[in-house]
Amino acid sequence: MTVTLHDTAPAPAPAPGNKDWQEIVEISAHSPSGELTIRGIMDDLDEELPVLSFQGPGDYRLRIQARGRDTAVDLAPDQVTEWYLIQAWPARPSEVKVVRQSDHYGASVRRG
């Protein structure tokens, strides 16, 4: 998991190892407290990530990029198989923007 903070909308970043990001979605988030953070769902994260609302309370745009989610679905591999990048910047709220949705795991979750 990598988080980058930007003053304005950044260009989408290249994926590690020159492989394409399989999932890219942009969302808006409002942080009334200025403490918009990333937390693990079932466990603590191994590293502390920066606060997404780095300019304090207000509106932000988040671009979430993922790849490798099809590699070890429902397994606990010894090596990293999934990569995520979250890019955050201050921005007025706008609609969800789907840039790419191409992994099989994501498609199965969207089907419900």
PDB file of N, CA and C in Angstrom:
ATOM      1  N   MET A   1       0.857  -1.168   0.000  1.00  0.00           N
ATOM      2  CA  MET A   1       0.000   0.000   0.000  1.00  0.00           C
ATOM      3  C   MET A   1       0.895   1.221   0.000  1.00  0.00           C
ATOM      4  N   THR A   2       0.674   2.077  -0.963  1.00  0.00           N
ATOM      5  CA  THR A   2       1.398   3.341  -1.046  1.00  0.00           C
ATOM      6  C   THR A   2       0.372   4.459  -1.079  1.00  0.00           C
ATOM      7  N   VAL A   3       0.651   5.523  -0.368  1.00  0.00           N
ATOM      8  CA  VAL A   3      -0.202   6.704  -0.368  1.00  0.00           C
ATOM      9  C   VAL A   3       0.642   7.894  -0.775  1.00  0.00           C
ATOM     10  N   THR A   4       0.139   8.675  -1.745  1.00  0.00           N
ATOM     11  CA  THR A   4       0.819   9.912  -2.120  1.00  0.00           C
ATOM     12  C   THR A   4      -0.158  11.069  -1.981  1.00  0.00           C
ATOM     13  N   LEU A   5       0.338  12.194  -1.531  1.00  0.00           N
ATOM     14  CA  LEU A   5      -0.478  13.389  -1.287  1.00  0.00           C
ATOM     15  C   LEU A   5      -0.072  14.467  -2.280  1.00  0.00           C
ATOM     16  N   HIS A   6      -1.084  15.166  -2.816  1.00  0.00           N
ATOM     17  CA  HIS A   6      -0.841  16.130  -3.895  1.00  0.00           C
ATOM     18  C   HIS A   6      -1.657  17.399  -3.654  1.00  0.00           C
ATOM     19  N   ASP A   7      -1.127  18.523  -4.081  1.00  0.00           N
ATOM     20  CA  ASP A   7      -1.863  19.788  -3.981  1.00  0.00           C
ATOM     21  C   ASP A   7      -2.945  19.902  -5.047  1.00  0.00           C
ATOM     22  N   THR A   8      -2.730  19.249  -6.208  1.00  0.00           N
ATOM     23  CA  THR A   8      -3.707  19.234  -7.300  1.00  0.00           C
ATOM     24  C   THR A   8      -3.786  17.815  -7.851  1.00  0.00           C
ATOM     25  N   ALA A   9      -4.725  17.578  -8.738  1.00  0.00           N
ATOM     26  CA  ALA A   9      -4.918  16.242  -9.296  1.00  0.00           C
ATOM     27  C   ALA A   9      -3.654  15.770 -10.015  1.00  0.00           C
ATOM     28  N   PRO A  10      -3.098  14.634  -9.593  1.00  0.00           N
ATOM     29  CA  PRO A  10      -1.904  14.106 -10.250  1.00  0.00           C
ATOM     30  C   PRO A  10      -2.277  13.249 -11.461  1.00  0.00           C
ATOM     31  N   ALA A  11      -1.310  13.022 -12.315  1.00  0.00           N
ATOM     32  CA  ALA A  11      -1.507  12.049 -13.395  1.00  0.00           C
ATOM     33  C   ALA A  11      -1.549  10.661 -12.760  1.00  0.00           C
ATOM     34  N   PRO A  12      -2.303   9.731 -13.344  1.00  0.00           N
ATOM     35  CA  PRO A  12      -2.268   8.369 -12.813  1.00  0.00           C
ATOM     36  C   PRO A  12      -0.830   7.844 -12.837  1.00  0.00           C
ATOM     37  N   ALA A  13      -0.449   7.185 -11.767  1.00  0.00           N
ATOM     38  CA  ALA A  13       0.926   6.706 -11.636  1.00  0.00           C
ATOM     39  C   ALA A  13       1.104   5.359 -12.317  1.00  0.00           C
ATOM     40  N   PRO A  14       2.294   5.090 -12.854  1.00  0.00           N
ATOM     41  CA  PRO A  14       2.544   3.757 -13.413  1.00  0.00           C
ATOM     42  C   PRO A  14       2.578   2.716 -12.296  1.00  0.00           C
ATOM     43  N   ALA A  15       2.181   1.506 -12.621  1.00  0.00           N
ATOM     44  CA  ALA A  15       2.191   0.416 -11.635  1.00  0.00           C
ATOM     45  C   ALA A  15       3.607  -0.100 -11.437  1.00  0.00           C
ATOM     46  N   PRO A  16       3.887  -0.680 -10.270  1.00  0.00           N
ATOM     47  CA  PRO A  16       5.208  -1.270 -10.030  1.00  0.00           C
ATOM     48  C   PRO A  16       5.501  -2.366 -11.046  1.00  0.00           C
ATOM     49  N   GLY A  17       6.741  -2.476 -11.446  1.00  0.00           N
ATOM     50  CA  GLY A  17       7.117  -3.534 -12.372  1.00  0.00           C
ATOM     51  C   GLY A  17       6.572  -3.346 -13.777  1.00  0.00           C
ATOM     52  N   ASN A  18       6.166  -2.122 -14.124  1.00  0.00           N
ATOM     53  CA  ASN A  18       5.641  -1.803 -15.458  1.00  0.00           C
ATOM     54  C   ASN A  18       4.413  -2.609 -15.843  1.00  0.00           C
ATOM     55  N   LYS A  19       3.645  -3.065 -14.855  1.00  0.00           N
ATOM     56  CA  LYS A  19       2.376  -3.731 -15.139  1.00  0.00           C
ATOM     57  C   LYS A  19       1.257  -2.727 -14.913  1.00  0.00           C
ATOM     58  N   ASP A  20       0.220  -2.853 -15.700  1.00  0.00           N
ATOM     59  CA  ASP A  20      -0.888  -1.906 -15.588  1.00  0.00           C
ATOM     60  C   ASP A  20      -1.666  -2.097 -14.295  1.00  0.00           C
ATOM     61  N   TRP A  21      -2.205  -0.993 -13.791  1.00  0.00           N
ATOM     62  CA  TRP A  21      -3.175  -1.088 -12.707  1.00  0.00           C
ATOM     63  C   TRP A  21      -4.434  -1.701 -13.302  1.00  0.00           C
ATOM     64  N   GLN A  22      -4.997  -2.688 -12.627  1.00  0.00           N
ATOM     65  CA  GLN A  22      -6.186  -3.367 -13.126  1.00  0.00           C
ATOM     66  C   GLN A  22      -7.470  -2.661 -12.708  1.00  0.00           C
ATOM     67  N   GLU A  23      -7.426  -1.998 -11.591  1.00  0.00           N
ATOM     68  CA  GLU A  23      -8.590  -1.273 -11.082  1.00  0.00           C
ATOM     69  C   GLU A  23      -8.153   0.158 -10.779  1.00  0.00           C
ATOM     70  N   ILE A  24      -8.879   1.127 -11.320  1.00  0.00           N
ATOM     71  CA  ILE A  24      -8.608   2.534 -11.029  1.00  0.00           C
ATOM     72  C   ILE A  24      -9.962   3.226 -10.877  1.00  0.00           C
ATOM     73  N   VAL A  25     -10.207   3.775  -9.700  1.00  0.00           N
ATOM     74  CA  VAL A  25     -11.467   4.466  -9.419  1.00  0.00           C
ATOM     75  C   VAL A  25     -11.155   5.727  -8.635  1.00  0.00           C
ATOM     76  N   GLU A  26     -11.857   6.811  -8.935  1.00  0.00           N
ATOM     77  CA  GLU A  26     -11.738   8.054  -8.176  1.00  0.00           C
ATOM     78  C   GLU A  26     -13.035   8.309  -7.428  1.00  0.00           C
ATOM     79  N   ILE A  27     -12.901   8.709  -6.168  1.00  0.00           N
ATOM     80  CA  ILE A  27     -14.064   9.038  -5.342  1.00  0.00           C
ATOM     81  C   ILE A  27     -13.803  10.349  -4.611  1.00  0.00           C
ATOM     82  N   SER A  28     -14.862  10.978  -4.169  1.00  0.00           N
ATOM     83  CA  SER A  28     -14.756  12.154  -3.318  1.00  0.00           C
ATOM     84  C   SER A  28     -14.962  11.735  -1.866  1.00  0.00           C
ATOM     85  N   ALA A  29     -14.291  12.427  -0.965  1.00  0.00           N
ATOM     86  CA  ALA A  29     -14.448  12.157   0.466  1.00  0.00           C
ATOM     87  C   ALA A  29     -14.438  13.480   1.214  1.00  0.00           C
ATOM     88  N   HIS A  30     -15.300  13.587   2.206  1.00  0.00           N
ATOM     89  CA  HIS A  30     -15.338  14.787   3.045  1.00  0.00           C
ATOM     90  C   HIS A  30     -14.811  14.407   4.426  1.00  0.00           C
ATOM     91  N   SER A  31     -13.898  15.206   4.928  1.00  0.00           N
ATOM     92  CA  SER A  31     -13.344  14.960   6.258  1.00  0.00           C
ATOM     93  C   SER A  31     -13.673  16.144   7.162  1.00  0.00           C
ATOM     94  N   PRO A  32     -14.729  16.037   7.968  1.00  0.00           N
ATOM     95  CA  PRO A  32     -15.079  17.143   8.850  1.00  0.00           C
ATOM     96  C   PRO A  32     -14.028  17.385   9.935  1.00  0.00           C
ATOM     97  N   SER A  33     -13.309  16.326  10.319  1.00  0.00           N
ATOM     98  CA  SER A  33     -12.334  16.449  11.405  1.00  0.00           C
ATOM     99  C   SER A  33     -10.915  16.703  10.909  1.00  0.00           C
ATOM    100  N   GLY A  34     -10.659  16.431   9.615  1.00  0.00           N
ATOM    101  CA  GLY A  34      -9.300  16.531   9.103  1.00  0.00           C
ATOM    102  C   GLY A  34      -8.469  15.311   9.463  1.00  0.00           C
ATOM    103  N   GLU A  35      -9.135  14.218   9.828  1.00  0.00           N
ATOM    104  CA  GLU A  35      -8.437  12.993  10.227  1.00  0.00           C
ATOM    105  C   GLU A  35      -8.881  11.805   9.375  1.00  0.00           C
ATOM    106  N   LEU A  36      -8.891  11.971   8.069  1.00  0.00           N
ATOM    107  CA  LEU A  36      -9.253  10.909   7.146  1.00  0.00           C
ATOM    108  C   LEU A  36      -8.054   9.977   6.988  1.00  0.00           C
ATOM    109  N   THR A  37      -8.180   8.742   7.499  1.00  0.00           N
ATOM    110  CA  THR A  37      -7.059   7.811   7.519  1.00  0.00           C
ATOM    111  C   THR A  37      -7.445   6.455   6.932  1.00  0.00           C
ATOM    112  N   ILE A  38      -6.448   5.640   6.668  1.00  0.00           N
ATOM    113  CA  ILE A  38      -6.637   4.279   6.178  1.00  0.00           C
ATOM    114  C   ILE A  38      -6.438   3.330   7.345  1.00  0.00           C
ATOM    115  N   ARG A  39      -7.356   2.399   7.496  1.00  0.00           N
ATOM    116  CA  ARG A  39      -7.283   1.410   8.567  1.00  0.00           C
ATOM    117  C   ARG A  39      -7.410   0.019   7.959  1.00  0.00           C
ATOM    118  N   GLY A  40      -6.808  -0.979   8.602  1.00  0.00           N
ATOM    119  CA  GLY A  40      -6.972  -2.362   8.182  1.00  0.00           C
ATOM    120  C   GLY A  40      -8.351  -2.856   8.580  1.00  0.00           C
ATOM    121  N   ILE A  41      -8.930  -3.740   7.787  1.00  0.00           N
ATOM    122  CA  ILE A  41     -10.259  -4.271   8.091  1.00  0.00           C
ATOM    123  C   ILE A  41     -10.203  -5.298   9.218  1.00  0.00           C
ATOM    124  N   MET A  42      -9.295  -6.270   9.108  1.00  0.00           N
ATOM    125  CA  MET A  42      -9.249  -7.341  10.093  1.00  0.00           C
ATOM    126  C   MET A  42      -7.986  -7.324  10.936  1.00  0.00           C
ATOM    127  N   ASP A  43      -7.060  -6.466  10.628  1.00  0.00           N
ATOM    128  CA  ASP A  43      -5.786  -6.462  11.333  1.00  0.00           C
ATOM    129  C   ASP A  43      -5.176  -5.072  11.200  1.00  0.00           C
ATOM    130  N   ASP A  44      -4.250  -4.773  12.058  1.00  0.00           N
ATOM    131  CA  ASP A  44      -3.539  -3.510  11.944  1.00  0.00           C
ATOM    132  C   ASP A  44      -2.621  -3.544  10.738  1.00  0.00           C
ATOM    133  N   LEU A  45      -2.377  -2.404  10.158  1.00  0.00           N
ATOM    134  CA  LEU A  45      -1.439  -2.310   9.055  1.00  0.00           C
ATOM    135  C   LEU A  45      -0.014  -2.401   9.581  1.00  0.00           C
ATOM    136  N   ASP A  46       0.874  -2.934   8.770  1.00  0.00           N
ATOM    137  CA  ASP A  46       2.280  -3.064   9.168  1.00  0.00           C
ATOM    138  C   ASP A  46       2.982  -1.719   9.257  1.00  0.00           C
ATOM    139  N   GLU A  47       2.467  -0.744   8.578  1.00  0.00           N
ATOM    140  CA  GLU A  47       3.100   0.568   8.568  1.00  0.00           C
ATOM    141  C   GLU A  47       2.052   1.648   8.789  1.00  0.00           C
ATOM    142  N   GLU A  48       2.488   2.763   9.276  1.00  0.00           N
ATOM    143  CA  GLU A  48       1.573   3.883   9.455  1.00  0.00           C
ATOM    144  C   GLU A  48       1.555   4.715   8.179  1.00  0.00           C
ATOM    145  N   LEU A  49       0.369   4.903   7.642  1.00  0.00           N
ATOM    146  CA  LEU A  49       0.217   5.655   6.396  1.00  0.00           C
ATOM    147  C   LEU A  49      -0.161   7.096   6.710  1.00  0.00           C
ATOM    148  N   PRO A  50       0.141   8.018   5.801  1.00  0.00           N
ATOM    149  CA  PRO A  50      -0.172   9.426   6.069  1.00  0.00           C
ATOM    150  C   PRO A  50      -1.681   9.683   6.107  1.00  0.00           C
ATOM    151  N   VAL A  51      -2.048  10.736   6.790  1.00  0.00           N
ATOM    152  CA  VAL A  51      -3.442  11.180   6.839  1.00  0.00           C
ATOM    153  C   VAL A  51      -3.822  11.693   5.456  1.00  0.00           C
ATOM    154  N   LEU A  52      -4.939  11.192   4.917  1.00  0.00           N
ATOM    155  CA  LEU A  52      -5.364  11.588   3.576  1.00  0.00           C
ATOM    156  C   LEU A  52      -5.835  13.034   3.519  1.00  0.00           C
ATOM    157  N   SER A  53      -6.418  13.505   4.607  1.00  0.00           N
ATOM    158  CA  SER A  53      -6.907  14.892   4.667  1.00  0.00           C
ATOM    159  C   SER A  53      -5.780  15.791   5.193  1.00  0.00           C
ATOM    160  N   PHE A  54      -4.680  15.794   4.456  1.00  0.00           N
ATOM    161  CA  PHE A  54      -3.430  16.422   4.892  1.00  0.00           C
ATOM    162  C   PHE A  54      -3.503  17.944   4.984  1.00  0.00           C
ATOM    163  N   GLN A  55      -4.546  18.573   4.425  1.00  0.00           N
ATOM    164  CA  GLN A  55      -4.699  20.022   4.553  1.00  0.00           C
ATOM    165  C   GLN A  55      -5.807  20.372   5.543  1.00  0.00           C
ATOM    166  N   GLY A  56      -6.167  19.423   6.389  1.00  0.00           N
ATOM    167  CA  GLY A  56      -7.172  19.672   7.413  1.00  0.00           C
ATOM    168  C   GLY A  56      -8.572  19.342   6.947  1.00  0.00           C
ATOM    169  N   PRO A  57      -9.582  19.770   7.707  1.00  0.00           N
ATOM    170  CA  PRO A  57     -10.971  19.477   7.359  1.00  0.00           C
ATOM    171  C   PRO A  57     -11.310  19.986   5.963  1.00  0.00           C
ATOM    172  N   GLY A  58     -12.180  19.238   5.283  1.00  0.00           N
ATOM    173  CA  GLY A  58     -12.618  19.667   3.955  1.00  0.00           C
ATOM    174  C   GLY A  58     -12.840  18.510   3.016  1.00  0.00           C
ATOM    175  N   ASP A  59     -12.928  18.851   1.729  1.00  0.00           N
ATOM    176  CA  ASP A  59     -13.226  17.879   0.680  1.00  0.00           C
ATOM    177  C   ASP A  59     -11.944  17.449  -0.027  1.00  0.00           C
ATOM    178  N   TYR A  60     -11.894  16.153  -0.348  1.00  0.00           N
ATOM    179  CA  TYR A  60     -10.727  15.564  -1.003  1.00  0.00           C
ATOM    180  C   TYR A  60     -11.182  14.631  -2.108  1.00  0.00           C
ATOM    181  N   ARG A  61     -10.294  14.423  -3.038  1.00  0.00           N
ATOM    182  CA  ARG A  61     -10.499  13.440  -4.098  1.00  0.00           C
ATOM    183  C   ARG A  61      -9.477  12.332  -3.870  1.00  0.00           C
ATOM    184  N   LEU A  62      -9.914  11.083  -4.004  1.00  0.00           N
ATOM    185  CA  LEU A  62      -9.038   9.932  -3.824  1.00  0.00           C
ATOM    186  C   LEU A  62      -9.058   9.092  -5.091  1.00  0.00           C
ATOM    187  N   ARG A  63      -7.887   8.805  -5.612  1.00  0.00           N
ATOM    188  CA  ARG A  63      -7.756   7.867  -6.735  1.00  0.00           C
ATOM    189  C   ARG A  63      -7.166   6.585  -6.157  1.00  0.00           C
ATOM    190  N   ILE A  64      -7.924   5.502  -6.255  1.00  0.00           N
ATOM    191  CA  ILE A  64      -7.487   4.218  -5.722  1.00  0.00           C
ATOM    192  C   ILE A  64      -7.136   3.320  -6.904  1.00  0.00           C
ATOM    193  N   GLN A  65      -5.913   2.810  -6.889  1.00  0.00           N
ATOM    194  CA  GLN A  65      -5.435   1.948  -7.969  1.00  0.00           C
ATOM    195  C   GLN A  65      -5.004   0.619  -7.351  1.00  0.00           C
ATOM    196  N   ALA A  66      -5.334  -0.483  -8.023  1.00  0.00           N
ATOM    197  CA  ALA A  66      -5.004  -1.817  -7.496  1.00  0.00           C
ATOM    198  C   ALA A  66      -4.593  -2.734  -8.632  1.00  0.00           C
ATOM    199  N   ARG A  67      -3.732  -3.698  -8.280  1.00  0.00           N
ATOM    200  CA  ARG A  67      -3.389  -4.771  -9.211  1.00  0.00           C
ATOM    201  C   ARG A  67      -2.988  -6.001  -8.413  1.00  0.00           C
ATOM    202  N   GLY A  68      -3.111  -7.169  -9.035  1.00  0.00           N
ATOM    203  CA  GLY A  68      -2.698  -8.420  -8.403  1.00  0.00           C
ATOM    204  C   GLY A  68      -3.752  -9.085  -7.539  1.00  0.00           C
ATOM    205  N   ARG A  69      -4.971  -8.577  -7.542  1.00  0.00           N
ATOM    206  CA  ARG A  69      -6.003  -9.147  -6.664  1.00  0.00           C
ATOM    207  C   ARG A  69      -6.476 -10.519  -7.115  1.00  0.00           C
ATOM    208  N   ASP A  70      -6.185 -10.920  -8.358  1.00  0.00           N
ATOM    209  CA  ASP A  70      -6.579 -12.236  -8.845  1.00  0.00           C
ATOM    210  C   ASP A  70      -5.559 -13.323  -8.492  1.00  0.00           C
ATOM    211  N   THR A  71      -4.400 -12.943  -8.008  1.00  0.00           N
ATOM    212  CA  THR A  71      -3.304 -13.894  -7.819  1.00  0.00           C
ATOM    213  C   THR A  71      -3.552 -14.898  -6.706  1.00  0.00           C
ATOM    214  N   ALA A  72      -4.021 -14.473  -5.562  1.00  0.00           N
ATOM    215  CA  ALA A  72      -4.170 -15.379  -4.409  1.00  0.00           C
ATOM    216  C   ALA A  72      -5.466 -15.105  -3.661  1.00  0.00           C
ATOM    217  N   VAL A  73      -6.576 -15.118  -4.375  1.00  0.00           N
ATOM    218  CA  VAL A  73      -7.882 -14.850  -3.768  1.00  0.00           C
ATOM    219  C   VAL A  73      -8.150 -15.895  -2.684  1.00  0.00           C
ATOM    220  N   ASP A  74      -8.508 -15.436  -1.498  1.00  0.00           N
ATOM    221  CA  ASP A  74      -8.826 -16.288  -0.342  1.00  0.00           C
ATOM    222  C   ASP A  74      -7.643 -17.110   0.172  1.00  0.00           C
ATOM    223  N   LEU A  75      -6.438 -16.727  -0.164  1.00  0.00           N
ATOM    224  CA  LEU A  75      -5.247 -17.417   0.325  1.00  0.00           C
ATOM    225  C   LEU A  75      -4.405 -16.449   1.151  1.00  0.00           C
ATOM    226  N   ALA A  76      -3.456 -16.962   1.862  1.00  0.00           N
ATOM    227  CA  ALA A  76      -2.515 -16.146   2.628  1.00  0.00           C
ATOM    228  C   ALA A  76      -1.105 -16.441   2.105  1.00  0.00           C
ATOM    229  N   PRO A  77      -0.729 -15.861   0.980  1.00  0.00           N
ATOM    230  CA  PRO A  77       0.570 -16.159   0.378  1.00  0.00           C
ATOM    231  C   PRO A  77       1.729 -15.622   1.223  1.00  0.00           C
ATOM    232  N   ASP A  78       2.894 -16.227   1.027  1.00  0.00           N
ATOM    233  CA  ASP A  78       4.102 -15.791   1.742  1.00  0.00           C
ATOM    234  C   ASP A  78       4.681 -14.509   1.157  1.00  0.00           C
ATOM    235  N   GLN A  79       4.393 -14.235  -0.102  1.00  0.00           N
ATOM    236  CA  GLN A  79       4.916 -13.037  -0.766  1.00  0.00           C
ATOM    237  C   GLN A  79       3.764 -12.099  -1.107  1.00  0.00           C
ATOM    238  N   VAL A  80       4.086 -10.836  -1.272  1.00  0.00           N
ATOM    239  CA  VAL A  80       3.085  -9.842  -1.663  1.00  0.00           C
ATOM    240  C   VAL A  80       2.585 -10.163  -3.067  1.00  0.00           C
ATOM    241  N   THR A  81       1.270 -10.216  -3.221  1.00  0.00           N
ATOM    242  CA  THR A  81       0.676 -10.467  -4.539  1.00  0.00           C
ATOM    243  C   THR A  81      -0.253  -9.336  -4.976  1.00  0.00           C
ATOM    244  N   GLU A  82      -0.578  -8.428  -4.065  1.00  0.00           N
ATOM    245  CA  GLU A  82      -1.469  -7.310  -4.382  1.00  0.00           C
ATOM    246  C   GLU A  82      -0.748  -6.005  -4.097  1.00  0.00           C
ATOM    247  N   TRP A  83      -0.971  -5.021  -4.953  1.00  0.00           N
ATOM    248  CA  TRP A  83      -0.401  -3.685  -4.771  1.00  0.00           C
ATOM    249  C   TRP A  83      -1.527  -2.668  -4.870  1.00  0.00           C
ATOM    250  N   TYR A  84      -1.448  -1.640  -4.021  1.00  0.00           N
ATOM    251  CA  TYR A  84      -2.441  -0.575  -3.999  1.00  0.00           C
ATOM    252  C   TYR A  84      -1.729   0.767  -3.947  1.00  0.00           C
ATOM    253  N   LEU A  85      -2.310   1.733  -4.624  1.00  0.00           N
ATOM    254  CA  LEU A  85      -1.829   3.111  -4.559  1.00  0.00           C
ATOM    255  C   LEU A  85      -3.045   3.994  -4.355  1.00  0.00           C
ATOM    256  N   ILE A  86      -2.987   4.849  -3.345  1.00  0.00           N
ATOM    257  CA  ILE A  86      -4.033   5.846  -3.128  1.00  0.00           C
ATOM    258  C   ILE A  86      -3.390   7.210  -3.293  1.00  0.00           C
ATOM    259  N   GLN A  87      -3.908   7.982  -4.225  1.00  0.00           N
ATOM    260  CA  GLN A  87      -3.462   9.358  -4.434  1.00  0.00           C
ATOM    261  C   GLN A  87      -4.562  10.272  -3.902  1.00  0.00           C
ATOM    262  N   ALA A  88      -4.185  11.249  -3.080  1.00  0.00           N
ATOM    263  CA  ALA A  88      -5.179  12.148  -2.470  1.00  0.00           C
ATOM    264  C   ALA A  88      -4.824  13.593  -2.763  1.00  0.00           C
ATOM    265  N   TRP A  89      -5.857  14.418  -2.992  1.00  0.00           N
ATOM    266  CA  TRP A  89      -5.660  15.848  -3.183  1.00  0.00           C
ATOM    267  C   TRP A  89      -6.949  16.581  -2.820  1.00  0.00           C
ATOM    268  N   PRO A  90      -6.838  17.837  -2.384  1.00  0.00           N
ATOM    269  CA  PRO A  90      -8.037  18.615  -2.077  1.00  0.00           C
ATOM    270  C   PRO A  90      -8.823  18.874  -3.366  1.00  0.00           C
ATOM    271  N   ALA A  91     -10.128  18.674  -3.308  1.00  0.00           N
ATOM    272  CA  ALA A  91     -10.970  18.911  -4.491  1.00  0.00           C
ATOM    273  C   ALA A  91     -12.433  18.948  -4.071  1.00  0.00           C
ATOM    274  N   ARG A  92     -13.200  19.733  -4.796  1.00  0.00           N
ATOM    275  CA  ARG A  92     -14.632  19.765  -4.550  1.00  0.00           C
ATOM    276  C   ARG A  92     -15.245  18.413  -4.878  1.00  0.00           C
ATOM    277  N   PRO A  93     -16.340  18.054  -4.216  1.00  0.00           N
ATOM    278  CA  PRO A  93     -16.973  16.759  -4.478  1.00  0.00           C
ATOM    279  C   PRO A  93     -17.422  16.637  -5.932  1.00  0.00           C
ATOM    280  N   SER A  94     -17.277  15.435  -6.465  1.00  0.00           N
ATOM    281  CA  SER A  94     -17.797  15.139  -7.802  1.00  0.00           C
ATOM    282  C   SER A  94     -18.149  13.653  -7.848  1.00  0.00           C
ATOM    283  N   GLU A  95     -18.751  13.249  -8.937  1.00  0.00           N
ATOM    284  CA  GLU A  95     -19.221  11.871  -9.090  1.00  0.00           C
ATOM    285  C   GLU A  95     -18.056  10.880  -9.077  1.00  0.00           C
ATOM    286  N   VAL A  96     -18.385   9.647  -8.728  1.00  0.00           N
ATOM    287  CA  VAL A  96     -17.404   8.562  -8.812  1.00  0.00           C
ATOM    288  C   VAL A  96     -16.982   8.436 -10.279  1.00  0.00           C
ATOM    289  N   LYS A  97     -15.692   8.256 -10.483  1.00  0.00           N
ATOM    290  CA  LYS A  97     -15.156   8.096 -11.839  1.00  0.00           C
ATOM    291  C   LYS A  97     -14.448   6.750 -11.923  1.00  0.00           C
ATOM    292  N   VAL A  98     -14.987   5.857 -12.737  1.00  0.00           N
ATOM    293  CA  VAL A  98     -14.365   4.559 -12.964  1.00  0.00           C
ATOM    294  C   VAL A  98     -13.463   4.684 -14.184  1.00  0.00           C
ATOM    295  N   VAL A  99     -12.170   4.527 -13.980  1.00  0.00           N
ATOM    296  CA  VAL A  99     -11.208   4.622 -15.070  1.00  0.00           C
ATOM    297  C   VAL A  99     -10.970   3.249 -15.685  1.00  0.00           C
ATOM    298  N   ARG A 100     -10.820   2.237 -14.819  1.00  0.00           N
ATOM    299  CA  ARG A 100     -10.581   0.872 -15.310  1.00  0.00           C
ATOM    300  C   ARG A 100     -11.074  -0.124 -14.271  1.00  0.00           C
ATOM    301  N   GLN A 101     -11.728  -1.169 -14.758  1.00  0.00           N
ATOM    302  CA  GLN A 101     -12.143  -2.293 -13.913  1.00  0.00           C
ATOM    303  C   GLN A 101     -11.893  -3.551 -14.723  1.00  0.00           C
ATOM    304  N   SER A 102     -10.774  -4.230 -14.460  1.00  0.00           N
ATOM    305  CA  SER A 102     -10.439  -5.359 -15.317  1.00  0.00           C
ATOM    306  C   SER A 102     -10.011  -6.622 -14.579  1.00  0.00           C
ATOM    307  N   ASP A 103      -9.984  -6.607 -13.245  1.00  0.00           N
ATOM    308  CA  ASP A 103      -9.607  -7.862 -12.588  1.00  0.00           C
ATOM    309  C   ASP A 103     -10.847  -8.720 -12.322  1.00  0.00           C
ATOM    310  N   HIS A 104     -10.652 -10.035 -12.264  1.00  0.00           N
ATOM    311  CA  HIS A 104     -11.765 -10.961 -12.061  1.00  0.00           C
ATOM    312  C   HIS A 104     -12.337 -10.860 -10.646  1.00  0.00           C
ATOM    313  N   TYR A 105     -11.470 -10.658  -9.660  1.00  0.00           N
ATOM    314  CA  TYR A 105     -11.945 -10.540  -8.280  1.00  0.00           C
ATOM    315  C   TYR A 105     -12.900  -9.338  -8.151  1.00  0.00           C
ATOM    316  N   GLY A 106     -12.494  -8.196  -8.680  1.00  0.00           N
ATOM    317  CA  GLY A 106     -13.340  -7.008  -8.617  1.00  0.00           C
ATOM    318  C   GLY A 106     -14.675  -7.235  -9.301  1.00  0.00           C
ATOM    319  N   ALA A 107     -14.663  -7.915 -10.448  1.00  0.00           N
ATOM    320  CA  ALA A 107     -15.909  -8.201 -11.159  1.00  0.00           C
ATOM    321  C   ALA A 107     -16.829  -9.069 -10.317  1.00  0.00           C
ATOM    322  N   SER A 108     -16.267 -10.062  -9.612  1.00  0.00           N
ATOM    323  CA  SER A 108     -17.097 -10.942  -8.781  1.00  0.00           C
ATOM    324  C   SER A 108     -17.707 -10.188  -7.610  1.00  0.00           C
ATOM    325  N   VAL A 109     -16.963  -9.260  -7.026  1.00  0.00           N
ATOM    326  CA  VAL A 109     -17.477  -8.455  -5.909  1.00  0.00           C
ATOM    327  C   VAL A 109     -18.577  -7.517  -6.402  1.00  0.00           C
ATOM    328  N   ARG A 110     -18.395  -6.936  -7.565  1.00  0.00           N
ATOM    329  CA  ARG A 110     -19.411  -6.024  -8.105  1.00  0.00           C
ATOM    330  C   ARG A 110     -20.710  -6.751  -8.457  1.00  0.00           C
ATOM    331  N   ARG A 111     -20.612  -8.022  -8.840  1.00  0.00           N
ATOM    332  CA  ARG A 111     -21.831  -8.804  -9.150  1.00  0.00           C
ATOM    333  C   ARG A 111     -22.614  -9.111  -7.882  1.00  0.00           C
ATOM    334  N   GLY A 112     -21.924  -9.086  -6.729  1.00  0.00           N
ATOM    335  CA  GLY A 112     -22.571  -9.314  -5.445  1.00  0.00           C
ATOM    336  C   GLY A 112     -22.834 -10.728  -5.227  1.00  0.00           C
TER     337      GLY A 112
END
